[in-house]
């Protein structure tokens, strides 16, 4: 109940039942495991979650005695375990301690082997590439539940079993709580919150420690307390009055208070606020500001923005962040949110920007050209290795404002998913984002100067739909710069659908509505005109009819 209702990845689905046994001593309440950490659970919690690998951390149990006939007795027994460390390159050295629980036919131990090997590193080598091996945030949340349980016979207390490691489809590993039946009323209220060696190692860096503390604080103050759980225990007591439900409530509070004390002793509570003096004078489209905040701060946002800012926590309670700022003097409000999305506090700062560069916005940035369905590769292009037509996709952006435009923090979030590199578009200038840079330059060798760094193609994915789709480009705060849906059917120009021309925004400098088909046309040239306009200015008498077709020359030109 506490895990499922505290946020993050939910727990397994259990139900409380009464067991009626022929042996009266076994009659009583029990847990009915409706669903464990199987593919149904994984697919419901993660994209294609069942494609990941699940491993149960376990001991090897073996008997130590025989009966008179030489048969091994189940009891007494002994165990042998394995630490999380580098055991070499042979999967057999991991197999019986990290039991493969799904996709067994693949016999894939590579993710858990990489995980074990990484935790054998230390210092800078451990920090380097950590996020590629471990989903740190999710790992801490899973471990926090095990630690809060106070269960002694558990990975959360440092035991070499009773834990689950799940390698997501991207290979990153997280911890899932498992087998905490010695917790609750039977747990240790003052058990260390760093008994697990991996947790201790991950939390050795202040910026990561505050993540762990923040998650613990969030769980304790939302669900792991008697005030929240009393309604549930009252209901459960009506089903099974024989259990000490009041004792469980007392344990929840004792354990929670102990954990909060450990957090407070490590990082003293502090109010959210800015430490950068106001006003702040800058000469660019971003301003770096600093401040303080306790472990309960989950996100920092700029007022009016929907997305959290990218914050660097320099220690347990100090942070710094870059915010987009417009030229001139403006007051900016910085907001702090907790793990439940509640506003904790705000602070303000005045920024005087003397620069001539402004952040990208709907008033200064247009999507001026889309090559969403390129023409087939030529024989020369095929010979060069560019056999896939989608490699030649590109998107052109134009500065339609009166100042240079900074693309920092700008991202495509629909159509394609891509964070644009930091770059500045001069007044009247254009830049091009290619799906594949090499293919683009093979077809447009003279347009290299307009190319942004990077490319948005990811294998055979992350490409524009040939039949049309929604395209969204957002600013650094998560606000829309452009949101529109193109199509290959009338009234949209269908010549751009694989016949050679690109889809071009008409007169982008006038800030036309991107959603209207009438504001788009096919490019004049096959392959488009990336980096510049192919529009031809009208010259002559607009009312003349030089070709005698009865249509004014200006209309003919259009």
Protein backbone atom coordinates (compact mmCIF):
# COMPACT_ATOMS: atom_id res chain seq x y z
CA UNK A 1 0.00 0.00 0.00
CA UNK A 2 2.71 2.46 0.99
CA UNK A 3 4.84 1.69 -2.05
CA UNK A 4 2.00 1.86 -4.56
CA UNK A 5 0.62 5.13 -3.20
CA UNK A 6 3.85 7.06 -2.67
CA UNK A 7 4.70 7.66 -6.32
CA UNK A 8 7.30 6.23 -8.64
CA UNK A 9 7.16 2.62 -9.79
CA UNK A 10 4.26 0.84 -8.11
CA UNK A 11 4.58 -2.32 -6.08
CA UNK A 12 3.51 -5.78 -7.07
CA UNK A 13 -0.23 -6.46 -6.86
CA UNK A 14 -1.11 -8.27 -3.65
CA UNK A 15 -4.43 -8.91 -1.94
CA UNK A 16 -5.15 -9.63 1.72
CA UNK A 17 -6.93 -12.92 2.27
CA UNK A 18 -7.92 -15.21 5.11
CA UNK A 19 -6.46 -18.71 4.94
CA UNK A 20 -8.71 -21.49 6.23
CA UNK A 21 -6.43 -24.43 7.05
CA UNK A 22 -7.22 -27.94 8.34
CA UNK A 23 -4.56 -27.11 10.91
CA UNK A 24 -6.10 -24.36 13.09
CA UNK A 25 -2.67 -22.97 13.92
CA UNK A 26 -2.22 -22.03 10.27
CA UNK A 27 -5.59 -20.32 9.90
CA UNK A 28 -5.33 -16.54 9.63
CA UNK A 29 -4.53 -13.61 7.40
CA UNK A 30 -2.17 -13.91 4.49
CA UNK A 31 -0.95 -12.22 1.32
CA UNK A 32 -2.22 -13.48 -2.00
CA UNK A 33 0.32 -12.58 -4.67
CA UNK A 34 -1.84 -11.63 -7.62
CA UNK A 35 1.05 -10.48 -9.81
CA UNK A 36 4.78 -10.43 -9.24
CA UNK A 37 7.54 -8.74 -11.21
CA UNK A 38 6.62 -10.48 -14.45
CA UNK A 39 6.16 -9.24 -17.98
CA UNK A 40 2.65 -7.94 -17.25
CA UNK A 41 4.04 -5.75 -14.49
CA UNK A 42 7.07 -4.66 -16.49
CA UNK A 43 5.08 -3.82 -19.63
CA UNK A 44 2.62 -1.77 -17.58
CA UNK A 45 5.37 0.28 -15.92
CA UNK A 46 7.92 0.77 -18.69
CA UNK A 47 7.88 1.15 -22.46
CA UNK A 48 8.37 -2.38 -23.79
CA UNK A 49 9.30 -3.31 -20.23
CA UNK A 50 9.04 -7.03 -20.88
CA UNK A 51 11.99 -6.72 -23.24
CA UNK A 52 14.22 -5.88 -20.29
CA UNK A 53 15.97 -8.40 -18.05
CA UNK A 54 14.95 -9.18 -14.47
CA UNK A 55 17.36 -10.80 -12.02
CA UNK A 56 16.67 -12.01 -8.49
CA UNK A 57 19.56 -11.55 -6.07
CA UNK A 58 19.78 -14.82 -4.19
CA UNK A 59 21.90 -17.18 -2.11
CA UNK A 60 22.76 -20.80 -2.81
CA UNK A 61 21.36 -23.03 -0.07
CA UNK A 62 22.93 -26.41 0.55
CA UNK A 63 22.39 -29.14 3.21
CA UNK A 64 25.15 -29.97 5.65
CA UNK A 65 24.13 -33.38 7.04
CA UNK A 66 22.83 -36.81 6.04
CA UNK A 67 20.44 -39.29 7.60
CA UNK A 68 21.32 -42.87 8.43
CA UNK A 69 20.75 -43.93 4.83
CA UNK A 70 23.09 -41.32 3.41
CA UNK A 71 20.33 -39.02 2.16
CA UNK A 72 20.86 -35.28 2.56
CA UNK A 73 18.62 -33.57 5.07
CA UNK A 74 17.00 -30.24 4.09
CA UNK A 75 17.80 -28.94 7.55
CA UNK A 76 20.18 -27.86 8.87
CA UNK A 77 21.61 -26.09 5.88
CA UNK A 78 24.13 -23.42 5.05
CA UNK A 79 24.40 -20.76 2.37
CA UNK A 80 26.91 -19.11 0.13
CA UNK A 81 26.41 -15.73 -1.46
CA UNK A 82 28.05 -13.29 -3.82
CA UNK A 83 28.79 -9.63 -3.47
CA UNK A 84 28.00 -7.16 -6.22
CA UNK A 85 31.45 -6.91 -7.78
CA UNK A 86 33.48 -7.89 -10.83
CA UNK A 87 33.48 -11.69 -11.07
CA UNK A 88 34.96 -11.82 -14.54
CA UNK A 89 33.55 -12.43 -18.00
CA UNK A 90 32.02 -15.88 -17.49
CA UNK A 91 28.20 -15.67 -17.11
CA UNK A 92 28.28 -18.87 -15.04
CA UNK A 93 29.91 -16.94 -12.22
CA UNK A 94 26.77 -14.76 -12.00
CA UNK A 95 24.03 -17.20 -12.96
CA UNK A 96 23.19 -18.73 -9.58
CA UNK A 97 23.39 -15.51 -7.59
CA UNK A 98 21.50 -13.31 -10.07
CA UNK A 99 18.69 -15.61 -11.16
CA UNK A 100 17.27 -14.81 -14.58
CA UNK A 101 13.52 -14.35 -14.02
CA UNK A 102 12.27 -13.48 -17.51
CA UNK A 103 13.27 -13.87 -21.17
CA UNK A 104 15.16 -16.96 -20.05
CA UNK A 105 15.55 -18.25 -23.58
CA UNK A 106 17.82 -15.28 -24.32
CA UNK A 107 20.13 -16.31 -21.45
CA UNK A 108 21.27 -12.70 -21.28
CA UNK A 109 23.48 -11.85 -18.33
CA UNK A 110 25.26 -8.94 -20.01
CA UNK A 111 23.36 -6.14 -18.17
CA UNK A 112 23.88 -7.56 -14.69
CA UNK A 113 27.51 -8.37 -15.48
CA UNK A 114 28.10 -4.77 -16.60
CA UNK A 115 26.38 -3.60 -13.41
CA UNK A 116 28.58 -5.78 -11.19
CA UNK A 117 31.74 -4.70 -12.99
CA UNK A 118 30.88 -1.02 -12.71
CA UNK A 119 30.44 -1.26 -8.95
CA UNK A 120 33.98 -2.62 -8.74
CA UNK A 121 35.21 0.80 -9.90
CA UNK A 122 35.78 3.77 -7.63
CA UNK A 123 36.20 7.53 -7.73
CA UNK A 124 36.09 9.28 -11.08
CA UNK A 125 36.04 6.01 -13.02
CA UNK A 126 32.88 4.97 -11.14
CA UNK A 127 31.16 8.30 -11.81
CA UNK A 128 32.11 8.23 -15.50
CA UNK A 129 29.41 6.42 -17.44
CA UNK A 130 27.35 5.65 -14.33
CA UNK A 131 24.09 6.90 -15.85
CA UNK A 132 24.61 4.53 -18.79
CA UNK A 133 24.67 1.57 -16.41
CA UNK A 134 22.31 2.63 -13.61
CA UNK A 135 18.99 4.47 -13.61
CA UNK A 136 20.10 6.29 -10.46
CA UNK A 137 16.82 7.97 -9.55
CA UNK A 138 14.71 4.83 -9.94
CA UNK A 139 17.40 2.73 -8.24
CA UNK A 140 17.30 4.94 -5.15
CA UNK A 141 13.50 4.81 -4.96
CA UNK A 142 13.45 1.03 -5.11
CA UNK A 143 16.17 0.77 -2.49
CA UNK A 144 14.45 3.34 -0.26
CA UNK A 145 11.44 1.05 0.18
CA UNK A 146 13.67 -1.86 1.18
CA UNK A 147 15.63 0.33 3.59
CA UNK A 148 12.50 1.78 5.19
CA UNK A 149 11.13 -1.70 5.84
CA UNK A 150 13.91 -2.29 8.35
CA UNK A 151 13.97 -5.93 7.27
CA UNK A 152 17.22 -7.58 8.30
CA UNK A 153 17.15 -10.46 5.83
CA UNK A 154 17.13 -8.22 2.78
CA UNK A 155 19.42 -6.51 0.28
CA UNK A 156 18.43 -3.18 1.83
CA UNK A 157 20.17 -4.20 5.05
CA UNK A 158 23.28 -5.42 3.27
CA UNK A 159 22.33 -9.08 2.84
CA UNK A 160 23.43 -10.82 -0.34
CA UNK A 161 19.89 -11.74 -1.33
CA UNK A 162 16.22 -10.72 -1.32
CA UNK A 163 16.38 -7.99 -3.92
CA UNK A 164 15.57 -7.62 -7.60
CA UNK A 165 17.63 -5.97 -10.30
CA UNK A 166 15.78 -4.92 -13.41
CA UNK A 167 17.71 -3.93 -16.53
CA UNK A 168 15.44 -1.76 -18.64
CA UNK A 169 15.39 -2.27 -22.42
CA UNK A 170 18.05 0.46 -22.68
CA UNK A 171 20.29 -1.64 -20.41
CA UNK A 172 20.19 0.65 -17.37
CA UNK A 173 19.65 -1.16 -14.09
CA UNK A 174 17.32 -0.24 -11.24
CA UNK A 175 16.60 -1.93 -7.92
CA UNK A 176 13.16 -3.35 -7.09
CA UNK A 177 12.20 -4.15 -3.46
CA UNK A 178 11.58 -7.83 -2.78
CA UNK A 179 10.81 -10.21 0.10
CA UNK A 180 10.52 -7.74 2.98
CA UNK A 181 8.40 -10.02 5.17
CA UNK A 182 10.67 -9.37 8.15
CA UNK A 183 9.86 -5.68 7.95
CA UNK A 184 6.94 -3.69 9.41
CA UNK A 185 6.43 -4.66 13.05
CA UNK A 186 9.33 -7.11 12.89
CA UNK A 187 11.82 -4.67 11.37
CA UNK A 188 14.65 -2.71 12.96
CA UNK A 189 13.55 0.89 13.48
CA UNK A 190 17.15 2.11 13.77
CA UNK A 191 18.72 0.10 10.95
CA UNK A 192 21.31 2.01 8.94
CA UNK A 193 20.07 3.70 5.78
CA UNK A 194 23.45 2.97 4.17
CA UNK A 195 23.80 -0.74 5.00
CA UNK A 196 23.61 -1.69 1.33
CA UNK A 197 27.07 -1.25 -0.15
CA UNK A 198 25.84 -0.10 -3.57
CA UNK A 199 23.58 2.49 -1.94
CA UNK A 200 26.47 3.74 0.14
CA UNK A 201 28.64 4.05 -2.94
CA UNK A 202 26.02 5.81 -5.02
CA UNK A 203 25.25 8.25 -2.21
CA UNK A 204 28.91 9.07 -1.55
CA UNK A 205 28.60 12.03 -3.92
CA UNK A 206 26.58 14.92 -2.37
CA UNK A 207 24.48 15.55 -5.47
CA UNK A 208 23.38 11.91 -5.55
CA UNK A 209 22.99 11.68 -1.77
CA UNK A 210 20.39 14.44 -1.85
CA UNK A 211 18.40 12.43 -4.41
CA UNK A 212 18.35 9.46 -2.04
CA UNK A 213 17.48 11.62 0.95
CA UNK A 214 14.78 13.40 -1.03
CA UNK A 215 13.14 10.11 -1.97
CA UNK A 216 13.29 8.83 1.62
CA UNK A 217 11.81 12.09 2.89
CA UNK A 218 9.07 11.96 0.27
CA UNK A 219 8.01 8.41 1.19
CA UNK A 220 8.09 9.05 4.94
CA UNK A 221 6.05 12.25 4.71
CA UNK A 222 3.45 10.86 2.29
CA UNK A 223 2.69 7.22 3.06
CA UNK A 224 5.20 5.78 5.55
CA UNK A 225 3.51 7.14 8.67
CA UNK A 226 0.65 6.26 11.00
CA UNK A 227 -1.48 9.23 9.96
CA UNK A 228 -1.68 7.92 6.41
CA UNK A 229 -1.80 4.21 7.20
CA UNK A 230 -4.28 4.24 10.11
CA UNK A 231 -7.34 4.04 7.85
CA UNK A 232 -5.84 1.04 6.08
CA UNK A 233 -4.87 -0.76 9.28
CA UNK A 234 -8.34 -0.14 10.73
CA UNK A 235 -9.83 -1.82 7.68
CA UNK A 236 -7.33 -4.69 7.79
CA UNK A 237 -8.01 -5.19 11.51
CA UNK A 238 -11.68 -5.72 10.72
CA UNK A 239 -10.60 -8.63 8.50
CA UNK A 240 -7.99 -10.07 10.85
CA UNK A 241 -8.15 -8.70 14.42
CA UNK A 242 -5.57 -11.19 15.66
CA UNK A 243 -2.62 -9.20 14.32
CA UNK A 244 -0.96 -6.27 16.07
CA UNK A 245 -1.92 -3.54 13.66
CA UNK A 246 -1.26 -0.87 16.28
CA UNK A 247 2.29 -2.19 16.63
CA UNK A 248 2.80 -1.81 12.92
CA UNK A 249 1.68 1.82 13.08
CA UNK A 250 4.10 2.46 15.93
CA UNK A 251 6.92 0.93 13.90
CA UNK A 252 6.12 3.07 10.85
CA UNK A 253 6.48 6.24 12.93
CA UNK A 254 9.57 5.05 14.79
CA UNK A 255 11.31 4.02 11.59
CA UNK A 256 10.25 7.15 9.74
CA UNK A 257 11.39 9.47 12.53
CA UNK A 258 14.76 7.73 12.70
CA UNK A 259 15.28 8.10 8.96
CA UNK A 260 14.29 11.79 9.04
CA UNK A 261 16.76 12.36 11.86
CA UNK A 262 19.54 10.79 9.79
CA UNK A 263 18.66 13.05 6.87
CA UNK A 264 18.56 16.17 9.04
CA UNK A 265 21.90 15.33 10.64
CA UNK A 266 23.51 14.95 7.21
CA UNK A 267 21.88 17.89 5.41
CA UNK A 268 20.31 20.44 7.73
CA UNK A 269 16.90 21.77 6.65
CA UNK A 270 17.16 25.03 4.75
CA UNK A 271 14.61 27.30 3.08
CA UNK A 272 14.56 27.58 -0.69
CA UNK A 273 15.94 30.83 -2.04
CA UNK A 274 18.39 32.56 -4.35
CA UNK A 275 21.92 33.46 -3.34
CA UNK A 276 22.70 35.42 -6.52
CA UNK A 277 22.32 39.14 -5.78
CA UNK A 278 19.59 41.07 -7.58
CA UNK A 279 19.79 42.84 -9.96
CA UNK A 280 22.08 40.64 -12.06
CA UNK A 281 23.64 42.19 -15.16
CA UNK A 282 24.42 39.96 -18.15
CA UNK A 283 25.17 40.44 -21.84
CA UNK A 284 23.74 37.21 -23.26
CA UNK A 285 20.47 35.33 -23.69
CA UNK A 286 21.11 33.19 -20.59
CA UNK A 287 21.78 34.10 -16.99
CA UNK A 288 23.44 31.80 -14.46
CA UNK A 289 21.86 32.04 -11.03
CA UNK A 290 22.52 30.15 -7.82
CA UNK A 291 20.58 29.32 -4.72
CA UNK A 292 19.87 26.94 -1.87
CA UNK A 293 17.27 24.27 -1.30
CA UNK A 294 16.74 21.26 0.93
CA UNK A 295 16.29 17.62 -0.09
CA UNK A 296 12.53 18.10 -0.50
CA UNK A 297 13.14 20.17 -3.66
CA UNK A 298 12.54 17.86 -6.60
CA UNK A 299 12.29 20.39 -9.43
CA UNK A 300 13.16 24.02 -10.02
CA UNK A 301 11.16 25.89 -12.65
CA UNK A 302 10.95 29.35 -14.10
CA UNK A 303 7.50 30.80 -13.52
CA UNK A 304 5.38 30.38 -16.62
CA UNK A 305 7.28 27.30 -17.77
CA UNK A 306 5.95 23.76 -17.60
CA UNK A 307 9.26 21.88 -17.70
CA UNK A 308 11.85 21.73 -14.94
CA UNK A 309 15.11 23.55 -15.46
CA UNK A 310 18.35 21.61 -15.81
CA UNK A 311 19.85 22.16 -12.37
CA UNK A 312 23.35 21.37 -11.16
CA UNK A 313 23.45 20.59 -7.45
CA UNK A 314 26.96 21.53 -6.36
CA UNK A 315 26.51 19.97 -2.91
CA UNK A 316 23.67 18.71 -0.74
CA UNK A 317 21.78 22.01 -0.63
CA UNK A 318 23.36 24.38 -3.18
CA UNK A 319 22.37 24.67 -6.81
CA UNK A 320 23.07 26.62 -9.97
CA UNK A 321 21.02 26.92 -13.14
CA UNK A 322 20.96 28.78 -16.45
CA UNK A 323 17.72 30.57 -17.34
CA UNK A 324 16.79 32.14 -20.68
CA UNK A 325 16.58 35.93 -20.48
CA UNK A 326 15.35 38.48 -22.99
CA UNK A 327 17.19 41.74 -23.72
CA UNK A 328 16.31 44.52 -21.30
CA UNK A 329 15.42 44.47 -17.63
CA UNK A 330 12.95 41.85 -16.40
CA UNK A 331 11.87 40.25 -13.13
CA UNK A 332 12.12 36.45 -13.08
CA UNK A 333 10.39 34.20 -10.55
CA UNK A 334 12.08 30.91 -9.65
CA UNK A 335 9.84 28.15 -8.27
CA UNK A 336 10.68 25.05 -6.20
CA UNK A 337 8.46 21.93 -6.34
CA UNK A 338 8.45 18.82 -4.18
CA UNK A 339 8.18 15.17 -5.23
CA UNK A 340 4.39 15.35 -5.39
CA UNK A 341 4.44 18.36 -7.71
CA UNK A 342 3.46 20.80 -4.96
CA UNK A 343 4.92 24.31 -4.97
CA UNK A 344 7.26 24.69 -1.98
CA UNK A 345 8.45 28.27 -2.35
CA UNK A 346 9.46 30.96 -4.82
CA UNK A 347 12.09 33.67 -5.08
CA UNK A 348 12.66 36.45 -7.59
CA UNK A 349 15.57 38.12 -9.30
CA UNK A 350 15.86 41.06 -11.68
CA UNK A 351 18.11 40.46 -14.67
CA UNK A 352 19.42 43.35 -16.76
CA UNK A 353 20.39 41.89 -20.13
CA UNK A 354 22.55 44.28 -22.17
CA UNK A 355 23.07 41.77 -24.95
CA UNK A 356 21.62 41.64 -28.46
CA UNK A 357 20.73 37.94 -28.50
CA UNK A 358 17.33 36.68 -27.40
CA UNK A 359 16.06 33.19 -26.50
CA UNK A 360 14.13 31.31 -29.17
CA UNK A 361 10.38 31.89 -29.02
CA UNK A 362 7.24 31.84 -31.15
CA UNK A 363 7.91 35.45 -32.14
CA UNK A 364 11.37 34.88 -33.60
CA UNK A 365 11.68 31.28 -34.79
CA UNK A 366 9.88 29.57 -37.68
CA UNK A 367 10.04 26.07 -39.13
CA UNK A 368 10.70 27.27 -42.66
CA UNK A 369 11.24 24.00 -44.54
CA UNK A 370 10.54 20.30 -44.06
CA UNK A 371 12.03 17.58 -46.20
CA UNK A 372 9.79 14.88 -44.74
CA UNK A 373 9.73 12.48 -47.73
CA UNK A 374 12.88 12.84 -49.85
CA UNK A 375 13.20 11.47 -53.36
CA UNK A 376 14.85 8.10 -53.88
CA UNK A 377 18.66 8.00 -53.72
CA UNK A 378 20.54 8.28 -56.98
CA UNK A 379 22.88 5.59 -58.22
CA UNK A 380 25.85 7.61 -56.96
CA UNK A 381 24.23 8.01 -53.54
CA UNK A 382 23.52 4.28 -53.36
CA UNK A 383 27.14 3.57 -54.27
CA UNK A 384 28.18 5.85 -51.43
CA UNK A 385 26.16 3.72 -49.01
CA UNK A 386 23.06 5.91 -48.71
CA UNK A 387 20.41 3.38 -49.65
CA UNK A 388 17.63 4.54 -47.30
CA UNK A 389 15.54 7.43 -48.61
CA UNK A 390 14.85 8.68 -45.07
CA UNK A 391 18.52 9.47 -44.56
CA UNK A 392 18.03 12.60 -46.67
CA UNK A 393 15.42 14.19 -44.39
CA UNK A 394 16.10 17.65 -42.99
CA UNK A 395 14.37 20.47 -41.12
CA UNK A 396 15.16 24.13 -41.66
CA UNK A 397 14.66 26.82 -39.00
CA UNK A 398 14.60 30.54 -39.72
CA UNK A 399 15.19 33.58 -37.51
CA UNK A 400 12.24 35.87 -38.21
CA UNK A 401 12.96 38.28 -35.34
CA UNK A 402 14.82 41.56 -35.04
CA UNK A 403 17.69 40.15 -32.95
CA UNK A 404 19.96 37.11 -33.09
CA UNK A 405 18.24 34.00 -31.70
CA UNK A 406 19.78 31.59 -29.20
CA UNK A 407 18.69 27.95 -29.63
CA UNK A 408 19.88 26.86 -26.16
CA UNK A 409 17.33 24.56 -24.53
CA UNK A 410 15.16 24.28 -27.66
CA UNK A 411 13.92 20.78 -28.50
CA UNK A 412 11.66 18.91 -30.87
CA UNK A 413 9.20 16.84 -28.81
CA UNK A 414 6.89 15.52 -31.54
CA UNK A 415 7.51 14.50 -35.14
CA UNK A 416 11.05 13.86 -34.01
CA UNK A 417 12.55 13.92 -30.54
CA UNK A 418 15.74 15.90 -30.41
CA UNK A 419 17.45 18.51 -28.22
CA UNK A 420 18.98 21.14 -30.45
CA UNK A 421 22.64 21.99 -29.88
CA UNK A 422 23.56 25.39 -28.51
CA UNK A 423 23.75 27.71 -31.51
CA UNK A 424 22.83 31.24 -32.53
CA UNK A 425 20.91 32.16 -35.68
CA UNK A 426 21.72 35.66 -36.94
CA UNK A 427 18.98 38.05 -37.94
CA UNK A 428 17.44 36.78 -41.18
CA UNK A 429 19.53 33.62 -41.01
CA UNK A 430 18.61 29.97 -41.31
CA UNK A 431 20.00 26.72 -39.93
CA UNK A 432 19.40 23.12 -40.94
CA UNK A 433 19.02 19.99 -38.82
CA UNK A 434 19.79 16.83 -40.79
CA UNK A 435 18.64 13.32 -40.03
CA UNK A 436 21.98 12.05 -41.32
CA UNK A 437 24.75 14.59 -41.86
CA UNK A 438 26.77 12.52 -44.34
CA UNK A 439 23.75 11.81 -46.53
CA UNK A 440 22.67 15.44 -46.38
CA UNK A 441 26.08 16.70 -47.46
CA UNK A 442 26.23 14.14 -50.26
CA UNK A 443 23.02 15.58 -51.70
CA UNK A 444 23.58 19.22 -50.68
CA UNK A 445 27.38 19.71 -50.70
CA UNK A 446 27.06 23.49 -50.69
CA UNK A 447 24.83 23.69 -47.62
CA UNK A 448 27.32 22.52 -44.99
CA UNK A 449 27.68 26.01 -43.52
CA UNK A 450 24.03 25.96 -42.45
CA UNK A 451 24.16 22.57 -40.71
CA UNK A 452 23.68 22.41 -36.96
CA UNK A 453 25.93 20.07 -35.05
CA UNK A 454 24.60 16.55 -34.58
CA UNK A 455 21.87 14.62 -36.38
CA UNK A 456 18.47 13.37 -35.26
CA UNK A 457 18.41 9.90 -36.81
CA UNK A 458 18.54 6.97 -34.36
CA UNK A 459 18.93 3.77 -36.36
CA UNK A 460 15.71 3.32 -38.31
CA UNK A 461 13.73 5.47 -35.87
CA UNK A 462 13.18 9.14 -35.12
CA UNK A 463 12.14 10.26 -38.56
CA UNK A 464 9.34 12.35 -40.05
CA UNK A 465 6.26 10.46 -41.20
CA UNK A 466 5.76 10.35 -44.96
CA UNK A 467 2.01 10.61 -44.53
CA UNK A 468 2.14 13.60 -42.23
CA UNK A 469 2.15 14.04 -38.45
CA UNK A 470 2.29 16.62 -35.71
CA UNK A 471 5.52 18.55 -35.23
CA UNK A 472 6.23 20.30 -31.94
CA UNK A 473 9.23 22.43 -31.09
CA UNK A 474 9.50 23.76 -27.52
CA UNK A 475 11.58 26.38 -25.78
CA UNK A 476 13.80 25.78 -22.75
CA UNK A 477 10.81 26.11 -20.40
CA UNK A 478 8.64 23.55 -22.20
CA UNK A 479 6.45 26.16 -23.91
CA UNK A 480 5.45 25.76 -27.54
CA UNK A 481 7.43 27.62 -30.14
CA UNK A 482 5.60 25.85 -32.96
CA UNK A 483 2.95 23.14 -32.93
CA UNK A 484 1.41 22.11 -36.25
CA UNK A 485 0.43 19.03 -38.26
CA UNK A 486 1.51 18.68 -41.88
CA UNK A 487 -0.08 16.25 -44.33
CA UNK A 488 0.44 14.79 -47.79
CA UNK A 489 -3.21 15.09 -48.80
CA UNK A 490 -5.11 18.04 -50.26
CA UNK A 491 -5.25 20.89 -49.34
CA UNK A 492 -1.60 20.31 -48.40
CA UNK A 493 0.77 20.31 -51.42
CA UNK A 494 1.36 16.65 -52.23
CA UNK A 495 4.31 17.30 -54.56
CA UNK A 496 6.45 17.29 -51.40
CA UNK A 497 5.53 13.65 -50.74
CA UNK A 498 8.47 11.85 -52.31
CA UNK A 499 8.47 13.57 -55.71
CA UNK A 500 11.56 15.67 -54.98
CA UNK A 501 10.44 19.06 -53.63
CA UNK A 502 10.46 19.85 -49.92
CA UNK A 503 7.61 21.52 -48.01
CA UNK A 504 8.35 25.25 -47.73
CA UNK A 505 6.72 27.84 -45.49
CA UNK A 506 5.59 30.82 -47.58
CA UNK A 507 7.11 34.15 -46.48
CA UNK A 508 8.33 32.94 -43.07
CA UNK A 509 9.46 36.45 -42.12
CA UNK A 510 5.77 37.45 -41.89
CA UNK A 511 5.22 34.81 -39.16
CA UNK A 512 2.51 32.86 -41.02
CA UNK A 513 0.30 30.36 -39.20
CA UNK A 514 2.10 27.02 -39.54
CA UNK A 515 -1.15 25.09 -39.12
CA UNK A 516 -2.75 26.39 -42.35
CA UNK A 517 -2.05 24.39 -45.53
CA UNK A 518 -2.38 27.58 -47.59
CA UNK A 519 0.80 28.90 -45.98
CA UNK A 520 2.91 26.07 -47.39
CA UNK A 521 4.12 25.23 -50.91
CA UNK A 522 6.49 22.79 -52.63
CA UNK A 523 10.04 24.00 -53.08
CA UNK A 524 10.99 25.25 -56.52
CA UNK A 525 13.89 22.83 -56.85
CA UNK A 526 13.95 19.10 -56.35
CA UNK A 527 15.71 18.34 -53.08
CA UNK A 528 14.61 21.61 -51.54
CA UNK A 529 16.75 24.63 -50.83
CA UNK A 530 18.22 24.13 -47.34
CA UNK A 531 19.83 27.19 -45.80
CA UNK A 532 18.23 29.86 -47.97
CA UNK A 533 14.99 30.89 -49.62
CA UNK A 534 14.01 29.84 -53.11
CA UNK A 535 11.37 32.56 -53.36
CA UNK A 536 11.68 34.87 -56.38
CA UNK A 537 10.70 38.52 -55.93
CA UNK A 538 8.09 39.86 -58.38
CA UNK A 539 9.22 42.61 -60.70
CA UNK A 540 7.02 44.64 -63.06
CA UNK A 541 3.45 45.86 -63.20
CA UNK A 542 1.28 43.60 -61.01
CA UNK A 543 -1.78 44.40 -63.13
CA UNK A 544 -0.16 43.70 -66.49
CA UNK A 545 -0.88 40.53 -68.50
CA UNK A 546 2.26 40.08 -70.57
CA UNK A 547 1.45 36.50 -71.57
CA UNK A 548 -2.14 37.39 -72.54
CA UNK A 549 -3.71 34.59 -70.51
CA UNK A 550 -6.23 36.88 -68.86
CA UNK A 551 -4.57 36.56 -65.45
CA UNK A 552 -2.63 39.47 -63.89
CA UNK A 553 1.13 38.92 -63.90
CA UNK A 554 1.32 39.11 -60.07
CA UNK A 555 -1.13 36.21 -59.76
CA UNK A 556 0.79 34.26 -62.41
CA UNK A 557 3.98 34.81 -60.41
CA UNK A 558 2.40 33.56 -57.19
